[in-house]
C-alpha cells in the first residue's frame, strides 16, 4: 500500500511500514516544513493514505471537507509508544485496502474507522 507520513508521524512507523514492503513517502524527506493543506493535497494527488499524529487533519477532513485518500491518525501516549509501529503494521495487514478513503483513529487497544466519502 501507499502512504505519506506527515512530519508529526513517528519515523519508527515509517521504517516499520517500509520493512513490511509498503511504499511510504515521508514529508520530512521530500518537503520539510510543508503546511497541512499542502500535505493533504500531496497525499491525495499521489493516492497515498496520510499517516499523522496531528489532530489538525481531522479539522481539514471533517470541518473543511477536504477530500482525501484516507488518514491514519495515530494517538499514542508516551507510555504506549513502544507498540505504535507493530500495531500500525498489524492494522494494515488486517484491513489493507479497506482503509482507503477512511479516517482512522488508532489508539492503544482501540481503532475507530469512519468513511469520509
PDB file of N, CA and C in Angstrom:
ATOM      1  N   UNK A   1       0.845  -1.178   0.000  1.00  0.00           N
ATOM      2  CA  UNK A   1       0.000   0.000   0.000  1.00  0.00           C
ATOM      3  C   UNK A   1       0.884   1.233   0.000  1.00  0.00           C
ATOM      4  N   UNK A   2       0.264   2.371  -0.321  1.00  0.00           N
ATOM      5  CA  UNK A   2       0.987   3.636  -0.446  1.00  0.00           C
ATOM      6  C   UNK A   2       0.591   4.590   0.681  1.00  0.00           C
ATOM      7  N   UNK A   3       1.607   5.177   1.337  1.00  0.00           N
ATOM      8  CA  UNK A   3       1.386   6.072   2.459  1.00  0.00           C
ATOM      9  C   UNK A   3       2.244   7.319   2.314  1.00  0.00           C
ATOM     10  N   UNK A   4       1.768   8.406   2.940  1.00  0.00           N
ATOM     11  CA  UNK A   4       2.556   9.620   3.093  1.00  0.00           C
ATOM     12  C   UNK A   4       2.583   9.926   4.583  1.00  0.00           C
ATOM     13  N   UNK A   5       3.776   9.941   5.165  1.00  0.00           N
ATOM     14  CA  UNK A   5       3.925  10.220   6.589  1.00  0.00           C
ATOM     15  C   UNK A   5       4.152  11.706   6.799  1.00  0.00           C
ATOM     16  N   UNK A   6       3.245  12.333   7.524  1.00  0.00           N
ATOM     17  CA  UNK A   6       3.385  13.734   7.914  1.00  0.00           C
ATOM     18  C   UNK A   6       4.596  13.860   8.835  1.00  0.00           C
ATOM     19  N   UNK A   7       5.117  15.068   8.956  1.00  0.00           N
ATOM     20  CA  UNK A   7       6.281  15.280   9.818  1.00  0.00           C
ATOM     21  C   UNK A   7       5.997  14.945  11.279  1.00  0.00           C
ATOM     22  N   UNK A   8       4.741  14.969  11.675  1.00  0.00           N
ATOM     23  CA  UNK A   8       4.399  14.644  13.059  1.00  0.00           C
ATOM     24  C   UNK A   8       4.441  13.144  13.330  1.00  0.00           C
ATOM     25  N   UNK A   9       4.450  12.346  12.284  1.00  0.00           N
ATOM     26  CA  UNK A   9       4.421  10.888  12.430  1.00  0.00           C
ATOM     27  C   UNK A   9       5.783  10.372  12.887  1.00  0.00           C
ATOM     28  N   UNK A  10       5.776   9.579  13.936  1.00  0.00           N
ATOM     29  CA  UNK A  10       6.999   8.986  14.458  1.00  0.00           C
ATOM     30  C   UNK A  10       7.680   8.173  13.351  1.00  0.00           C
ATOM     31  N   UNK A  11       8.959   8.443  13.090  1.00  0.00           N
ATOM     32  CA  UNK A  11       9.639   7.797  11.972  1.00  0.00           C
ATOM     33  C   UNK A  11       9.788   6.293  12.166  1.00  0.00           C
ATOM     34  N   UNK A  12       9.614   5.809  13.371  1.00  0.00           N
ATOM     35  CA  UNK A  12       9.659   4.368  13.607  1.00  0.00           C
ATOM     36  C   UNK A  12       8.521   3.671  12.843  1.00  0.00           C
ATOM     37  N   UNK A  13       7.398   4.379  12.682  1.00  0.00           N
ATOM     38  CA  UNK A  13       6.272   3.836  11.909  1.00  0.00           C
ATOM     39  C   UNK A  13       6.650   3.767  10.427  1.00  0.00           C
ATOM     40  N   UNK A  14       7.300   4.791   9.926  1.00  0.00           N
ATOM     41  CA  UNK A  14       7.753   4.810   8.524  1.00  0.00           C
ATOM     42  C   UNK A  14       8.681   3.629   8.268  1.00  0.00           C
ATOM     43  N   UNK A  15       9.669   3.445   9.131  1.00  0.00           N
ATOM     44  CA  UNK A  15      10.627   2.343   8.957  1.00  0.00           C
ATOM     45  C   UNK A  15       9.938   0.985   9.020  1.00  0.00           C
ATOM     46  N   UNK A  16       9.003   0.824   9.939  1.00  0.00           N
ATOM     47  CA  UNK A  16       8.307  -0.462  10.075  1.00  0.00           C
ATOM     48  C   UNK A  16       7.464  -0.770   8.844  1.00  0.00           C
ATOM     49  N   UNK A  17       6.764   0.233   8.313  1.00  0.00           N
ATOM     50  CA  UNK A  17       5.944   0.011   7.122  1.00  0.00           C
ATOM     51  C   UNK A  17       6.815  -0.270   5.900  1.00  0.00           C
ATOM     52  N   UNK A  18       7.914   0.434   5.773  1.00  0.00           N
ATOM     53  CA  UNK A  18       8.844   0.153   4.671  1.00  0.00           C
ATOM     54  C   UNK A  18       9.391  -1.263   4.780  1.00  0.00           C
ATOM     55  N   UNK A  19       9.757  -1.679   5.983  1.00  0.00           N
ATOM     56  CA  UNK A  19      10.275  -3.035   6.197  1.00  0.00           C
ATOM     57  C   UNK A  19       9.231  -4.093   5.865  1.00  0.00           C
ATOM     58  N   UNK A  20       7.957  -3.744   6.032  1.00  0.00           N
ATOM     59  CA  UNK A  20       6.860  -4.669   5.722  1.00  0.00           C
ATOM     60  C   UNK A  20       6.504  -4.647   4.231  1.00  0.00           C
ATOM     61  N   UNK A  21       7.225  -3.840   3.437  1.00  0.00           N
ATOM     62  CA  UNK A  21       7.026  -3.840   1.988  1.00  0.00           C
ATOM     63  C   UNK A  21       6.100  -2.769   1.451  1.00  0.00           C
ATOM     64  N   UNK A  22       5.719  -1.818   2.284  1.00  0.00           N
ATOM     65  CA  UNK A  22       4.822  -0.762   1.830  1.00  0.00           C
ATOM     66  C   UNK A  22       5.611   0.408   1.252  1.00  0.00           C
ATOM     67  N   UNK A  23       4.973   1.146   0.363  1.00  0.00           N
ATOM     68  CA  UNK A  23       5.563   2.326  -0.281  1.00  0.00           C
ATOM     69  C   UNK A  23       5.229   3.531   0.603  1.00  0.00           C
ATOM     70  N   UNK A  24       6.218   4.027   1.321  1.00  0.00           N
ATOM     71  CA  UNK A  24       5.988   5.121   2.264  1.00  0.00           C
ATOM     72  C   UNK A  24       6.887   6.304   1.924  1.00  0.00           C
ATOM     73  N   UNK A  25       6.267   7.428   1.574  1.00  0.00           N
ATOM     74  CA  UNK A  25       6.986   8.688   1.417  1.00  0.00           C
ATOM     75  C   UNK A  25       6.855   9.445   2.725  1.00  0.00           C
ATOM     76  N   UNK A  26       7.883  10.223   3.046  1.00  0.00           N
ATOM     77  CA  UNK A  26       7.862  10.998   4.287  1.00  0.00           C
ATOM     78  C   UNK A  26       8.027  12.473   3.950  1.00  0.00           C
ATOM     79  N   UNK A  27       7.135  13.291   4.469  1.00  0.00           N
ATOM     80  CA  UNK A  27       7.193  14.733   4.236  1.00  0.00           C
ATOM     81  C   UNK A  27       8.548  15.273   4.667  1.00  0.00           C
ATOM     82  N   UNK A  28       9.095  14.750   5.745  1.00  0.00           N
ATOM     83  CA  UNK A  28      10.394  15.230   6.232  1.00  0.00           C
ATOM     84  C   UNK A  28      11.515  14.990   5.225  1.00  0.00           C
ATOM     85  N   UNK A  29      11.328  14.047   4.324  1.00  0.00           N
ATOM     86  CA  UNK A  29      12.336  13.734   3.308  1.00  0.00           C
ATOM     87  C   UNK A  29      12.087  14.462   1.989  1.00  0.00           C
ATOM     88  N   UNK A  30      10.819  14.715   1.669  1.00  0.00           N
ATOM     89  CA  UNK A  30      10.526  15.271   0.339  1.00  0.00           C
ATOM     90  C   UNK A  30      10.095  16.736   0.348  1.00  0.00           C
ATOM     91  N   UNK A  31       9.520  17.204   1.461  1.00  0.00           N
ATOM     92  CA  UNK A  31       9.038  18.580   1.503  1.00  0.00           C
ATOM     93  C   UNK A  31       8.967  19.089   2.947  1.00  0.00           C
ATOM     94  N   UNK A  32      10.111  19.150   3.622  1.00  0.00           N
ATOM     95  CA  UNK A  32      10.104  19.573   5.030  1.00  0.00           C
ATOM     96  C   UNK A  32       9.446  20.941   5.205  1.00  0.00           C
ATOM     97  N   UNK A  33       8.652  21.045   6.261  1.00  0.00           N
ATOM     98  CA  UNK A  33       8.015  22.317   6.577  1.00  0.00           C
ATOM     99  C   UNK A  33       6.734  22.598   5.815  1.00  0.00           C
ATOM    100  N   UNK A  34       6.281  21.649   4.985  1.00  0.00           N
ATOM    101  CA  UNK A  34       5.044  21.861   4.223  1.00  0.00           C
ATOM    102  C   UNK A  34       3.862  22.037   5.173  1.00  0.00           C
ATOM    103  N   UNK A  35       2.940  22.940   4.812  1.00  0.00           N
ATOM    104  CA  UNK A  35       1.770  23.137   5.670  1.00  0.00           C
ATOM    105  C   UNK A  35       0.770  21.993   5.472  1.00  0.00           C
ATOM    106  N   UNK A  36      -0.188  21.905   6.377  1.00  0.00           N
ATOM    107  CA  UNK A  36      -1.125  20.779   6.388  1.00  0.00           C
ATOM    108  C   UNK A  36      -1.927  20.657   5.096  1.00  0.00           C
ATOM    109  N   UNK A  37      -2.365  21.771   4.530  1.00  0.00           N
ATOM    110  CA  UNK A  37      -3.154  21.678   3.290  1.00  0.00           C
ATOM    111  C   UNK A  37      -2.303  21.162   2.137  1.00  0.00           C
ATOM    112  N   UNK A  38      -1.054  21.558   2.096  1.00  0.00           N
ATOM    113  CA  UNK A  38      -0.150  21.048   1.060  1.00  0.00           C
ATOM    114  C   UNK A  38       0.057  19.543   1.241  1.00  0.00           C
ATOM    115  N   UNK A  39       0.219  19.123   2.476  1.00  0.00           N
ATOM    116  CA  UNK A  39       0.438  17.703   2.775  1.00  0.00           C
ATOM    117  C   UNK A  39      -0.775  16.873   2.378  1.00  0.00           C
ATOM    118  N   UNK A  40      -1.975  17.323   2.751  1.00  0.00           N
ATOM    119  CA  UNK A  40      -3.165  16.542   2.428  1.00  0.00           C
ATOM    120  C   UNK A  40      -3.412  16.511   0.915  1.00  0.00           C
ATOM    121  N   UNK A  41      -3.099  17.610   0.234  1.00  0.00           N
ATOM    122  CA  UNK A  41      -3.228  17.639  -1.229  1.00  0.00           C
ATOM    123  C   UNK A  41      -2.222  16.711  -1.892  1.00  0.00           C
ATOM    124  N   UNK A  42      -1.004  16.670  -1.376  1.00  0.00           N
ATOM    125  CA  UNK A  42       0.025  15.781  -1.916  1.00  0.00           C
ATOM    126  C   UNK A  42      -0.377  14.322  -1.749  1.00  0.00           C
ATOM    127  N   UNK A  43      -0.883  13.973  -0.584  1.00  0.00           N
ATOM    128  CA  UNK A  43      -1.329  12.598  -0.335  1.00  0.00           C
ATOM    129  C   UNK A  43      -2.449  12.215  -1.308  1.00  0.00           C
ATOM    130  N   UNK A  44      -3.393  13.107  -1.520  1.00  0.00           N
ATOM    131  CA  UNK A  44      -4.496  12.838  -2.437  1.00  0.00           C
ATOM    132  C   UNK A  44      -3.983  12.708  -3.867  1.00  0.00           C
ATOM    133  N   UNK A  45      -3.145  13.635  -4.302  1.00  0.00           N
ATOM    134  CA  UNK A  45      -2.603  13.627  -5.662  1.00  0.00           C
ATOM    135  C   UNK A  45      -1.830  12.335  -5.943  1.00  0.00           C
ATOM    136  N   UNK A  46      -1.084  11.859  -4.946  1.00  0.00           N
ATOM    137  CA  UNK A  46      -0.276  10.651  -5.118  1.00  0.00           C
ATOM    138  C   UNK A  46      -1.019   9.376  -4.709  1.00  0.00           C
ATOM    139  N   UNK A  47      -2.305   9.530  -4.354  1.00  0.00           N
ATOM    140  CA  UNK A  47      -3.136   8.397  -3.928  1.00  0.00           C
ATOM    141  C   UNK A  47      -2.479   7.617  -2.778  1.00  0.00           C
ATOM    142  N   UNK A  48      -2.113   8.378  -1.750  1.00  0.00           N
ATOM    143  CA  UNK A  48      -1.488   7.807  -0.559  1.00  0.00           C
ATOM    144  C   UNK A  48      -2.362   8.057   0.658  1.00  0.00           C
ATOM    145  N   UNK A  49      -2.392   7.105   1.566  1.00  0.00           N
ATOM    146  CA  UNK A  49      -3.055   7.294   2.852  1.00  0.00           C
ATOM    147  C   UNK A  49      -2.099   8.101   3.726  1.00  0.00           C
ATOM    148  N   UNK A  50      -2.621   9.131   4.350  1.00  0.00           N
ATOM    149  CA  UNK A  50      -1.809  10.012   5.193  1.00  0.00           C
ATOM    150  C   UNK A  50      -1.648   9.412   6.589  1.00  0.00           C
ATOM    151  N   UNK A  51      -0.412   9.347   7.058  1.00  0.00           N
ATOM    152  CA  UNK A  51      -0.099   8.928   8.423  1.00  0.00           C
ATOM    153  C   UNK A  51       0.232  10.179   9.219  1.00  0.00           C
ATOM    154  N   UNK A  52      -0.445  10.397  10.325  1.00  0.00           N
ATOM    155  CA  UNK A  52      -0.199  11.627  11.088  1.00  0.00           C
ATOM    156  C   UNK A  52      -0.484  11.427  12.567  1.00  0.00           C
ATOM    157  N   UNK A  53       0.105  12.305  13.358  1.00  0.00           N
ATOM    158  CA  UNK A  53      -0.219  12.411  14.780  1.00  0.00           C
ATOM    159  C   UNK A  53      -0.742  13.811  15.080  1.00  0.00           C
ATOM    160  N   UNK A  54      -1.083  14.542  14.025  1.00  0.00           N
ATOM    161  CA  UNK A  54      -1.537  15.932  14.119  1.00  0.00           C
ATOM    162  C   UNK A  54      -3.060  15.981  13.998  1.00  0.00           C
ATOM    163  N   UNK A  55      -3.735  16.378  15.078  1.00  0.00           N
ATOM    164  CA  UNK A  55      -5.198  16.404  15.083  1.00  0.00           C
ATOM    165  C   UNK A  55      -5.783  17.443  14.134  1.00  0.00           C
ATOM    166  N   UNK A  56      -4.969  18.366  13.632  1.00  0.00           N
ATOM    167  CA  UNK A  56      -5.472  19.365  12.683  1.00  0.00           C
ATOM    168  C   UNK A  56      -6.010  18.736  11.401  1.00  0.00           C
ATOM    169  N   UNK A  57      -5.553  17.540  11.068  1.00  0.00           N
ATOM    170  CA  UNK A  57      -6.053  16.895   9.862  1.00  0.00           C
ATOM    171  C   UNK A  57      -7.513  16.470  10.018  1.00  0.00           C
ATOM    172  N   UNK A  58      -7.949  16.205  11.228  1.00  0.00           N
ATOM    173  CA  UNK A  58      -9.369  15.936  11.468  1.00  0.00           C
ATOM    174  C   UNK A  58     -10.206  17.150  11.128  1.00  0.00           C
ATOM    175  N   UNK A  59      -9.718  18.322  11.504  1.00  0.00           N
ATOM    176  CA  UNK A  59     -10.393  19.582  11.162  1.00  0.00           C
ATOM    177  C   UNK A  59     -10.480  19.753   9.649  1.00  0.00           C
ATOM    178  N   UNK A  60      -9.391  19.493   8.951  1.00  0.00           N
ATOM    179  CA  UNK A  60      -9.381  19.637   7.490  1.00  0.00           C
ATOM    180  C   UNK A  60     -10.361  18.675   6.824  1.00  0.00           C
ATOM    181  N   UNK A  61     -10.397  17.445   7.301  1.00  0.00           N
ATOM    182  CA  UNK A  61     -11.247  16.430   6.677  1.00  0.00           C
ATOM    183  C   UNK A  61     -12.718  16.634   7.009  1.00  0.00           C
ATOM    184  N   UNK A  62     -13.029  16.873   8.276  1.00  0.00           N
ATOM    185  CA  UNK A  62     -14.435  16.949   8.674  1.00  0.00           C
ATOM    186  C   UNK A  62     -15.027  18.353   8.568  1.00  0.00           C
ATOM    187  N   UNK A  63     -14.392  19.343   9.146  1.00  0.00           N
ATOM    188  CA  UNK A  63     -14.954  20.694   9.128  1.00  0.00           C
ATOM    189  C   UNK A  63     -14.773  21.366   7.770  1.00  0.00           C
ATOM    190  N   UNK A  64     -13.624  21.170   7.147  1.00  0.00           N
ATOM    191  CA  UNK A  64     -13.349  21.816   5.861  1.00  0.00           C
ATOM    192  C   UNK A  64     -13.665  20.918   4.669  1.00  0.00           C
ATOM    193  N   UNK A  65     -14.075  19.703   4.954  1.00  0.00           N
ATOM    194  CA  UNK A  65     -14.492  18.736   3.921  1.00  0.00           C
ATOM    195  C   UNK A  65     -13.443  18.531   2.823  1.00  0.00           C
ATOM    196  N   UNK A  66     -12.186  18.428   3.241  1.00  0.00           N
ATOM    197  CA  UNK A  66     -11.107  18.163   2.291  1.00  0.00           C
ATOM    198  C   UNK A  66     -11.176  16.717   1.849  1.00  0.00           C
ATOM    199  N   UNK A  67     -11.073  16.503   0.571  1.00  0.00           N
ATOM    200  CA  UNK A  67     -11.055  15.145   0.028  1.00  0.00           C
ATOM    201  C   UNK A  67      -9.717  14.506   0.381  1.00  0.00           C
ATOM    202  N   UNK A  68      -9.721  13.217   0.593  1.00  0.00           N
ATOM    203  CA  UNK A  68      -8.512  12.501   0.990  1.00  0.00           C
ATOM    204  C   UNK A  68      -8.547  11.067   0.470  1.00  0.00           C
ATOM    205  N   UNK A  69      -7.385  10.493   0.360  1.00  0.00           N
ATOM    206  CA  UNK A  69      -7.282   9.063   0.032  1.00  0.00           C
ATOM    207  C   UNK A  69      -7.387   8.215   1.290  1.00  0.00           C
ATOM    208  N   UNK A  70      -7.429   8.882   2.422  1.00  0.00           N
ATOM    209  CA  UNK A  70      -7.501   8.208   3.711  1.00  0.00           C
ATOM    210  C   UNK A  70      -6.511   8.822   4.670  1.00  0.00           C
ATOM    211  N   UNK A  71      -6.819   8.736   5.957  1.00  0.00           N
ATOM    212  CA  UNK A  71      -5.953   9.267   7.006  1.00  0.00           C
ATOM    213  C   UNK A  71      -5.885   8.243   8.132  1.00  0.00           C
ATOM    214  N   UNK A  72      -4.673   7.939   8.585  1.00  0.00           N
ATOM    215  CA  UNK A  72      -4.467   7.174   9.810  1.00  0.00           C
ATOM    216  C   UNK A  72      -3.953   8.159  10.850  1.00  0.00           C
ATOM    217  N   UNK A  73      -4.801   8.490  11.802  1.00  0.00           N
ATOM    218  CA  UNK A  73      -4.462   9.429  12.873  1.00  0.00           C
ATOM    219  C   UNK A  73      -4.028   8.606  14.076  1.00  0.00           C
ATOM    220  N   UNK A  74      -2.753   8.697  14.424  1.00  0.00           N
ATOM    221  CA  UNK A  74      -2.165   7.893  15.488  1.00  0.00           C
ATOM    222  C   UNK A  74      -2.156   8.678  16.788  1.00  0.00           C
ATOM    223  N   UNK A  75      -2.809   8.121  17.815  1.00  0.00           N
ATOM    224  CA  UNK A  75      -2.900   8.791  19.120  1.00  0.00           C
ATOM    225  C   UNK A  75      -2.345   7.860  20.189  1.00  0.00           C
ATOM    226  N   UNK A  76      -1.055   7.915  20.363  1.00  0.00           N
ATOM    227  CA  UNK A  76      -0.386   7.051  21.326  1.00  0.00           C
ATOM    228  C   UNK A  76       0.313   7.887  22.385  1.00  0.00           C
ATOM    229  N   UNK A  77      -0.043   7.677  23.656  1.00  0.00           N
ATOM    230  CA  UNK A  77       0.652   8.403  24.723  1.00  0.00           C
ATOM    231  C   UNK A  77       2.081   7.864  24.866  1.00  0.00           C
ATOM    232  N   UNK A  78       2.908   8.613  25.525  1.00  0.00           N
ATOM    233  CA  UNK A  78       4.305   8.221  25.705  1.00  0.00           C
ATOM    234  C   UNK A  78       4.419   6.825  26.298  1.00  0.00           C
ATOM    235  N   UNK A  79       3.543   6.496  27.217  1.00  0.00           N
ATOM    236  CA  UNK A  79       3.610   5.198  27.887  1.00  0.00           C
ATOM    237  C   UNK A  79       3.361   4.014  26.953  1.00  0.00           C
ATOM    238  N   UNK A  80       2.781   4.248  25.770  1.00  0.00           N
ATOM    239  CA  UNK A  80       2.465   3.150  24.838  1.00  0.00           C
ATOM    240  C   UNK A  80       3.238   3.258  23.526  1.00  0.00           C
ATOM    241  N   UNK A  81       4.191   4.172  23.430  1.00  0.00           N
ATOM    242  CA  UNK A  81       4.900   4.424  22.167  1.00  0.00           C
ATOM    243  C   UNK A  81       5.637   3.200  21.642  1.00  0.00           C
ATOM    244  N   UNK A  82       6.079   2.321  22.505  1.00  0.00           N
ATOM    245  CA  UNK A  82       6.863   1.187  22.036  1.00  0.00           C
ATOM    246  C   UNK A  82       6.052   0.223  21.166  1.00  0.00           C
ATOM    247  N   UNK A  83       4.735   0.310  21.231  1.00  0.00           N
ATOM    248  CA  UNK A  83       3.870  -0.578  20.454  1.00  0.00           C
ATOM    249  C   UNK A  83       3.360   0.040  19.155  1.00  0.00           C
ATOM    250  N   UNK A  84       3.592   1.315  18.943  1.00  0.00           N
ATOM    251  CA  UNK A  84       2.948   2.027  17.845  1.00  0.00           C
ATOM    252  C   UNK A  84       3.237   1.403  16.480  1.00  0.00           C
ATOM    253  N   UNK A  85       4.489   1.107  16.185  1.00  0.00           N
ATOM    254  CA  UNK A  85       4.815   0.610  14.843  1.00  0.00           C
ATOM    255  C   UNK A  85       4.235  -0.777  14.598  1.00  0.00           C
ATOM    256  N   UNK A  86       4.338  -1.665  15.557  1.00  0.00           N
ATOM    257  CA  UNK A  86       3.813  -3.021  15.353  1.00  0.00           C
ATOM    258  C   UNK A  86       2.294  -3.019  15.235  1.00  0.00           C
ATOM    259  N   UNK A  87       1.619  -2.155  15.987  1.00  0.00           N
ATOM    260  CA  UNK A  87       0.162  -2.107  15.909  1.00  0.00           C
ATOM    261  C   UNK A  87      -0.328  -1.486  14.601  1.00  0.00           C
ATOM    262  N   UNK A  88       0.400  -0.511  14.067  1.00  0.00           N
ATOM    263  CA  UNK A  88       0.025   0.070  12.771  1.00  0.00           C
ATOM    264  C   UNK A  88       0.225  -0.957  11.662  1.00  0.00           C
ATOM    265  N   UNK A  89       1.342  -1.658  11.676  1.00  0.00           N
ATOM    266  CA  UNK A  89       1.596  -2.695  10.664  1.00  0.00           C
ATOM    267  C   UNK A  89       0.529  -3.787  10.751  1.00  0.00           C
ATOM    268  N   UNK A  90       0.180  -4.190  11.964  1.00  0.00           N
ATOM    269  CA  UNK A  90      -0.848  -5.220  12.156  1.00  0.00           C
ATOM    270  C   UNK A  90      -2.202  -4.756  11.601  1.00  0.00           C
ATOM    271  N   UNK A  91      -2.568  -3.507  11.874  1.00  0.00           N
ATOM    272  CA  UNK A  91      -3.820  -2.948  11.357  1.00  0.00           C
ATOM    273  C   UNK A  91      -3.834  -2.982   9.831  1.00  0.00           C
ATOM    274  N   UNK A  92      -2.766  -2.561   9.217  1.00  0.00           N
ATOM    275  CA  UNK A  92      -2.704  -2.517   7.757  1.00  0.00           C
ATOM    276  C   UNK A  92      -2.729  -3.923   7.172  1.00  0.00           C
ATOM    277  N   UNK A  93      -2.062  -4.851   7.810  1.00  0.00           N
ATOM    278  CA  UNK A  93      -2.105  -6.232   7.331  1.00  0.00           C
ATOM    279  C   UNK A  93      -3.510  -6.823   7.419  1.00  0.00           C
ATOM    280  N   UNK A  94      -4.252  -6.457   8.456  1.00  0.00           N
ATOM    281  CA  UNK A  94      -5.617  -6.973   8.634  1.00  0.00           C
ATOM    282  C   UNK A  94      -6.636  -6.284   7.737  1.00  0.00           C
ATOM    283  N   UNK A  95      -6.569  -4.963   7.643  1.00  0.00           N
ATOM    284  CA  UNK A  95      -7.609  -4.189   6.950  1.00  0.00           C
ATOM    285  C   UNK A  95      -7.229  -3.785   5.529  1.00  0.00           C
ATOM    286  N   UNK A  96      -5.953  -3.579   5.276  1.00  0.00           N
ATOM    287  CA  UNK A  96      -5.424  -3.261   3.955  1.00  0.00           C
ATOM    288  C   UNK A  96      -6.223  -2.242   3.173  1.00  0.00           C
ATOM    289  N   UNK A  97      -6.640  -2.612   1.984  1.00  0.00           N
ATOM    290  CA  UNK A  97      -7.324  -1.721   1.039  1.00  0.00           C
ATOM    291  C   UNK A  97      -8.625  -1.139   1.607  1.00  0.00           C
ATOM    292  N   UNK A  98      -9.202  -1.761   2.615  1.00  0.00           N
ATOM    293  CA  UNK A  98     -10.440  -1.256   3.217  1.00  0.00           C
ATOM    294  C   UNK A  98     -10.230   0.092   3.909  1.00  0.00           C
ATOM    295  N   UNK A  99      -8.981   0.455   4.157  1.00  0.00           N
ATOM    296  CA  UNK A  99      -8.672   1.715   4.827  1.00  0.00           C
ATOM    297  C   UNK A  99      -8.673   2.903   3.865  1.00  0.00           C
ATOM    298  N   UNK A 100      -8.640   2.622   2.580  1.00  0.00           N
ATOM    299  CA  UNK A 100      -8.622   3.697   1.583  1.00  0.00           C
ATOM    300  C   UNK A 100      -9.917   4.496   1.677  1.00  0.00           C
ATOM    301  N   UNK A 101      -9.775   5.815   1.744  1.00  0.00           N
ATOM    302  CA  UNK A 101     -10.932   6.698   1.823  1.00  0.00           C
ATOM    303  C   UNK A 101     -11.526   6.828   3.213  1.00  0.00           C
ATOM    304  N   UNK A 102     -10.872   6.274   4.222  1.00  0.00           N
ATOM    305  CA  UNK A 102     -11.377   6.329   5.592  1.00  0.00           C
ATOM    306  C   UNK A 102     -10.525   7.248   6.462  1.00  0.00           C
ATOM    307  N   UNK A 103     -11.140   7.737   7.516  1.00  0.00           N
ATOM    308  CA  UNK A 103     -10.403   8.445   8.566  1.00  0.00           C
ATOM    309  C   UNK A 103     -10.342   7.462   9.723  1.00  0.00           C
ATOM    310  N   UNK A 104      -9.137   7.038  10.072  1.00  0.00           N
ATOM    311  CA  UNK A 104      -8.951   6.002  11.071  1.00  0.00           C
ATOM    312  C   UNK A 104      -8.205   6.585  12.264  1.00  0.00           C
ATOM    313  N   UNK A 105      -8.792   6.466  13.432  1.00  0.00           N
ATOM    314  CA  UNK A 105      -8.134   6.892  14.666  1.00  0.00           C
ATOM    315  C   UNK A 105      -7.598   5.630  15.335  1.00  0.00           C
ATOM    316  N   UNK A 106      -6.285   5.594  15.515  1.00  0.00           N
ATOM    317  CA  UNK A 106      -5.638   4.418  16.079  1.00  0.00           C
ATOM    318  C   UNK A 106      -5.076   4.792  17.444  1.00  0.00           C
ATOM    319  N   UNK A 107      -5.573   4.092  18.464  1.00  0.00           N
ATOM    320  CA  UNK A 107      -5.135   4.300  19.847  1.00  0.00           C
ATOM    321  C   UNK A 107      -4.798   2.932  20.427  1.00  0.00           C
ATOM    322  N   UNK A 108      -4.019   2.885  21.487  1.00  0.00           N
ATOM    323  CA  UNK A 108      -3.738   1.585  22.101  1.00  0.00           C
ATOM    324  C   UNK A 108      -5.037   0.869  22.462  1.00  0.00           C
ATOM    325  N   UNK A 109      -5.234  -0.299  21.899  1.00  0.00           N
ATOM    326  CA  UNK A 109      -6.412  -1.100  22.194  1.00  0.00           C
ATOM    327  C   UNK A 109      -7.706  -0.632  21.564  1.00  0.00           C
ATOM    328  N   UNK A 110      -7.646   0.361  20.683  1.00  0.00           N
ATOM    329  CA  UNK A 110      -8.881   0.894  20.090  1.00  0.00           C
ATOM    330  C   UNK A 110      -8.625   1.447  18.688  1.00  0.00           C
ATOM    331  N   UNK A 111      -9.511   1.089  17.769  1.00  0.00           N
ATOM    332  CA  UNK A 111      -9.433   1.597  16.394  1.00  0.00           C
ATOM    333  C   UNK A 111     -10.838   2.040  16.000  1.00  0.00           C
ATOM    334  N   UNK A 112     -10.947   3.289  15.517  1.00  0.00           N
ATOM    335  CA  UNK A 112     -12.221   3.796  15.017  1.00  0.00           C
ATOM    336  C   UNK A 112     -12.058   4.122  13.540  1.00  0.00           C
ATOM    337  N   UNK A 113     -12.918   3.551  12.727  1.00  0.00           N
ATOM    338  CA  UNK A 113     -12.829   3.759  11.281  1.00  0.00           C
ATOM    339  C   UNK A 113     -14.100   4.443  10.820  1.00  0.00           C
ATOM    340  N   UNK A 114     -13.925   5.591  10.165  1.00  0.00           N
ATOM    341  CA  UNK A 114     -15.064   6.346   9.622  1.00  0.00           C
ATOM    342  C   UNK A 114     -14.843   6.565   8.134  1.00  0.00           C
ATOM    343  N   UNK A 115     -15.878   6.392   7.366  1.00  0.00           N
ATOM    344  CA  UNK A 115     -15.805   6.699   5.931  1.00  0.00           C
ATOM    345  C   UNK A 115     -15.902   8.216   5.771  1.00  0.00           C
ATOM    346  N   UNK A 116     -15.053   8.782   4.933  1.00  0.00           N
ATOM    347  CA  UNK A 116     -15.100  10.233   4.725  1.00  0.00           C
ATOM    348  C   UNK A 116     -15.735  10.597   3.395  1.00  0.00           C
ATOM    349  N   UNK A 117     -15.975   9.626   2.564  1.00  0.00           N
ATOM    350  CA  UNK A 117     -16.548   9.907   1.237  1.00  0.00           C
ATOM    351  C   UNK A 117     -17.854   9.174   1.045  1.00  0.00           C
TER     352      UNK A 117
END
